[in-house]
Amino acid sequence: MSRRTTGPEIERLIQLLAKLPGLGPRSARRAALYLIKNRERLLVPLATAMAEARDKVTVCSECGNVDTVDPCTLCTDPRRDRSTLCVVEDVGDLWALERAGAWNGLYHVLGGTLSAIEGIRPEDLSIDTLIARAGAGGVKEVVLALNATVEGQTTAHYITERLKTLGIAASRLAHGVPVGGELDYLDEGTLMQAIRARRPL
């Protein structure tokens, strides 16, 4: 049985940090120690920022993004193309597209993908909200930026079928060889998708 080397407050900090993605018990101990050593510079501002986030962060009622205002900053930006909707699984995917500066339309966060194994049904996701948004008028294209997994493809197919009844065009992200990728290092599935999605020069 290992002996406790710190007080319960520090142990609680370590246990909570260990629950974050990418941090195990060892990494959590290192992070906690670093925060404690830099209490005024990091720990106090981090605690303040987390308290503010707890009190102010909300989910956008239109697209599902997280922000401190509702509707969110992206939904109220007048420079955005309101005729296109980009559908993503989670907020992290939305943030990735924004970091890349790859999209200038509006977004819609599903909150996951359909999965028979995990029991996730269409009503468990914000698919009905998406269809209502798309059908309200003004939307000409819905881009399905879902992961290239079985669940992602199943979800994309389901949404495409629902959008067909509204007469709205649906498209999906291209799959294939990444920029800077070497063919020898790619898996067979990626190569197959790249061949199928080839286009003339």
Protein backbone atom coordinates (compact mmCIF):
# COMPACT_ATOMS: atom_id res chain seq x y z
CA MET A 1 0.00 0.00 0.00
CA SER A 2 1.49 3.34 -1.09
CA ARG A 3 1.70 6.16 1.41
CA ARG A 4 0.14 9.51 0.67
CA THR A 5 2.78 12.17 0.00
CA THR A 6 0.49 15.20 -0.28
CA GLY A 7 -2.60 16.64 1.34
CA PRO A 8 -6.13 15.80 0.13
CA GLU A 9 -6.47 19.09 -1.81
CA ILE A 10 -3.44 18.33 -3.97
CA GLU A 11 -4.53 14.72 -4.41
CA ARG A 12 -7.94 15.94 -5.60
CA LEU A 13 -6.25 18.30 -8.08
CA ILE A 14 -4.18 15.40 -9.43
CA GLN A 15 -7.21 13.10 -9.68
CA LEU A 16 -9.20 15.74 -11.59
CA LEU A 17 -6.32 16.50 -13.96
CA ALA A 18 -5.94 12.76 -14.63
CA LYS A 19 -9.50 12.74 -16.03
CA LEU A 20 -8.52 15.11 -18.85
CA PRO A 21 -7.90 13.55 -22.30
CA GLY A 22 -4.26 12.70 -22.84
CA LEU A 23 -3.33 12.91 -19.16
CA GLY A 24 -2.70 9.81 -17.10
CA PRO A 25 -1.80 9.69 -13.39
CA ARG A 26 1.89 10.48 -13.98
CA SER A 27 1.22 13.37 -16.37
CA ALA A 28 -1.43 14.69 -13.99
CA ARG A 29 1.11 14.69 -11.12
CA ARG A 30 3.62 16.59 -13.26
CA ALA A 31 0.96 19.10 -14.36
CA ALA A 32 -0.27 19.59 -10.78
CA LEU A 33 3.28 20.13 -9.51
CA TYR A 34 3.98 22.63 -12.30
CA LEU A 35 0.77 24.54 -11.51
CA ILE A 36 1.57 24.61 -7.80
CA LYS A 37 5.13 25.83 -8.42
CA ASN A 38 3.72 28.58 -10.65
CA ARG A 39 0.76 29.40 -8.45
CA GLU A 40 0.53 33.16 -9.06
CA ARG A 41 1.45 33.03 -12.75
CA LEU A 42 -0.68 29.99 -13.74
CA LEU A 43 -2.77 28.36 -11.01
CA VAL A 44 -4.65 31.48 -9.87
CA PRO A 45 -5.44 32.74 -13.43
CA LEU A 46 -6.42 29.18 -14.48
CA ALA A 47 -8.79 28.82 -11.52
CA THR A 48 -10.33 32.22 -12.34
CA ALA A 49 -10.72 31.34 -16.04
CA MET A 50 -12.33 28.00 -15.16
CA ALA A 51 -14.79 29.66 -12.77
CA GLU A 52 -15.73 32.20 -15.45
CA ALA A 53 -16.15 29.43 -18.02
CA ARG A 54 -18.39 27.50 -15.62
CA ASP A 55 -20.60 30.54 -15.14
CA LYS A 56 -20.65 31.99 -18.66
CA VAL A 57 -20.17 29.22 -21.24
CA THR A 58 -23.36 28.09 -22.93
CA VAL A 59 -24.39 25.96 -25.90
CA CYS A 60 -25.60 27.89 -28.94
CA SER A 61 -29.31 27.21 -29.47
CA GLU A 62 -28.87 27.51 -33.25
CA CYS A 63 -25.77 25.49 -34.14
CA GLY A 64 -24.62 23.69 -30.96
CA ASN A 65 -21.27 25.49 -30.67
CA VAL A 66 -20.06 26.50 -27.21
CA ASP A 67 -19.58 30.21 -26.52
CA THR A 68 -20.36 32.83 -23.90
CA VAL A 69 -23.26 34.24 -25.94
CA ASP A 70 -26.36 32.64 -27.48
CA PRO A 71 -26.61 32.69 -30.49
CA CYS A 72 -22.85 32.19 -30.72
CA THR A 73 -20.30 34.52 -32.31
CA LEU A 74 -20.19 32.45 -35.51
CA CYS A 75 -23.97 32.39 -35.99
CA THR A 76 -24.24 36.18 -35.57
CA ASP A 77 -21.27 37.04 -37.81
CA PRO A 78 -22.77 38.94 -40.80
CA ARG A 79 -19.80 38.01 -43.02
CA ARG A 80 -20.72 34.31 -42.99
CA ASP A 81 -22.40 32.65 -45.97
CA ARG A 82 -25.87 31.71 -44.69
CA SER A 83 -26.69 29.58 -47.72
CA THR A 84 -24.29 26.81 -46.66
CA LEU A 85 -24.25 24.62 -43.55
CA CYS A 86 -21.30 22.48 -42.47
CA VAL A 87 -22.36 19.53 -40.30
CA VAL A 88 -19.82 18.23 -37.78
CA GLU A 89 -19.91 15.54 -35.10
CA ASP A 90 -18.58 17.62 -32.23
CA VAL A 91 -17.47 21.13 -31.29
CA GLY A 92 -13.81 20.05 -31.57
CA ASP A 93 -14.36 19.39 -35.29
CA LEU A 94 -15.89 22.86 -35.70
CA TRP A 95 -12.89 24.44 -33.98
CA ALA A 96 -10.50 22.46 -36.22
CA LEU A 97 -12.20 23.79 -39.38
CA GLU A 98 -12.12 27.32 -37.98
CA ARG A 99 -8.39 27.04 -37.14
CA ALA A 100 -7.74 26.01 -40.73
CA GLY A 101 -9.84 28.90 -42.05
CA ALA A 102 -11.44 26.32 -44.32
CA TRP A 103 -15.10 27.33 -44.01
CA ASN A 104 -17.01 30.59 -44.25
CA GLY A 105 -20.57 29.31 -43.92
CA LEU A 106 -22.55 28.35 -40.85
CA TYR A 107 -22.14 25.18 -38.77
CA HIS A 108 -24.33 22.54 -37.19
CA VAL A 109 -23.01 20.30 -34.39
CA LEU A 110 -24.71 16.89 -34.24
CA GLY A 111 -23.35 15.84 -30.85
CA GLY A 112 -22.08 12.49 -32.13
CA THR A 113 -22.92 9.91 -34.78
CA LEU A 114 -25.46 7.14 -35.19
CA SER A 115 -24.32 3.87 -33.65
CA ALA A 116 -26.34 0.69 -33.31
CA ILE A 117 -23.71 -0.78 -30.98
CA GLU A 118 -23.82 2.16 -28.57
CA GLY A 119 -27.58 2.62 -29.00
CA ILE A 120 -27.32 6.15 -30.44
CA ARG A 121 -30.43 6.81 -32.52
CA PRO A 122 -31.37 9.80 -34.73
CA GLU A 123 -33.44 11.31 -31.92
CA ASP A 124 -30.35 11.25 -29.66
CA LEU A 125 -28.57 13.68 -32.01
CA SER A 126 -29.55 17.13 -33.28
CA ILE A 127 -30.56 15.78 -36.71
CA ASP A 128 -34.17 17.00 -36.50
CA THR A 129 -32.88 20.49 -35.64
CA LEU A 130 -30.55 20.32 -38.67
CA ILE A 131 -33.39 19.33 -41.00
CA ALA A 132 -35.55 22.14 -39.59
CA ARG A 133 -32.75 24.69 -40.09
CA ALA A 134 -32.08 23.49 -43.62
CA GLY A 135 -35.77 23.49 -44.49
CA ALA A 136 -36.48 26.95 -43.08
CA GLY A 137 -35.31 28.57 -46.31
CA GLY A 138 -32.10 30.11 -47.55
CA VAL A 139 -29.88 27.01 -47.23
CA LYS A 140 -28.71 25.73 -50.62
CA GLU A 141 -26.03 23.22 -49.61
CA VAL A 142 -25.24 21.08 -46.58
CA VAL A 143 -21.64 19.84 -46.31
CA LEU A 144 -21.28 16.69 -44.20
CA ALA A 145 -17.88 17.01 -42.52
CA LEU A 146 -18.16 13.75 -40.59
CA ASN A 147 -15.33 11.38 -39.73
CA ALA A 148 -14.53 8.61 -42.23
CA THR A 149 -15.74 5.86 -39.89
CA VAL A 150 -18.60 3.41 -40.32
CA GLU A 151 -20.68 5.49 -37.90
CA GLY A 152 -19.78 8.71 -39.70
CA GLN A 153 -20.70 7.29 -43.09
CA THR A 154 -23.97 5.83 -41.74
CA THR A 155 -24.90 9.20 -40.26
CA ALA A 156 -24.00 11.01 -43.51
CA HIS A 157 -26.18 8.60 -45.51
CA TYR A 158 -29.12 9.04 -43.12
CA ILE A 159 -28.90 12.85 -43.25
CA THR A 160 -28.54 12.83 -47.06
CA GLU A 161 -31.75 10.81 -47.38
CA ARG A 162 -33.59 13.25 -45.10
CA LEU A 163 -32.27 16.27 -47.06
CA LYS A 164 -33.40 14.78 -50.38
CA THR A 165 -37.01 15.27 -49.33
CA LEU A 166 -36.28 19.00 -48.99
CA GLY A 167 -34.49 19.26 -52.33
CA ILE A 168 -31.28 20.51 -50.67
CA ALA A 169 -27.91 19.50 -52.08
CA ALA A 170 -25.66 17.49 -49.76
CA SER A 171 -21.93 16.97 -50.19
CA ARG A 172 -19.16 15.48 -48.08
CA LEU A 173 -15.52 16.16 -47.49
CA ALA A 174 -13.09 14.58 -49.92
CA HIS A 175 -11.18 11.58 -48.60
CA GLY A 176 -7.83 10.42 -49.84
CA VAL A 177 -4.15 11.31 -49.90
CA PRO A 178 -3.27 14.02 -47.38
CA VAL A 179 -1.11 16.98 -48.40
CA GLY A 180 2.50 15.90 -48.01
CA GLY A 181 1.51 12.24 -47.71
CA GLU A 182 3.52 9.45 -49.35
CA LEU A 183 1.60 6.61 -50.99
CA ASP A 184 3.84 3.95 -49.50
CA TYR A 185 2.78 4.95 -45.96
CA LEU A 186 -0.99 5.13 -46.55
CA ASP A 187 -3.42 2.37 -45.63
CA GLU A 188 -5.42 0.52 -48.29
CA GLY A 189 -8.72 2.22 -47.37
CA THR A 190 -7.25 5.70 -47.84
CA LEU A 191 -5.70 4.71 -51.17
CA MET A 192 -9.00 3.23 -52.36
CA GLN A 193 -10.87 6.42 -51.46
CA ALA A 194 -8.22 8.53 -53.21
CA ILE A 195 -8.57 6.49 -56.43
CA ARG A 196 -12.37 6.65 -56.33
CA ALA A 197 -12.37 10.41 -55.67
CA ARG A 198 -9.86 11.21 -58.43
CA ARG A 199 -10.56 14.22 -60.62
CA PRO A 200 -9.23 15.55 -63.92
CA LEU A 201 -6.39 18.07 -63.95
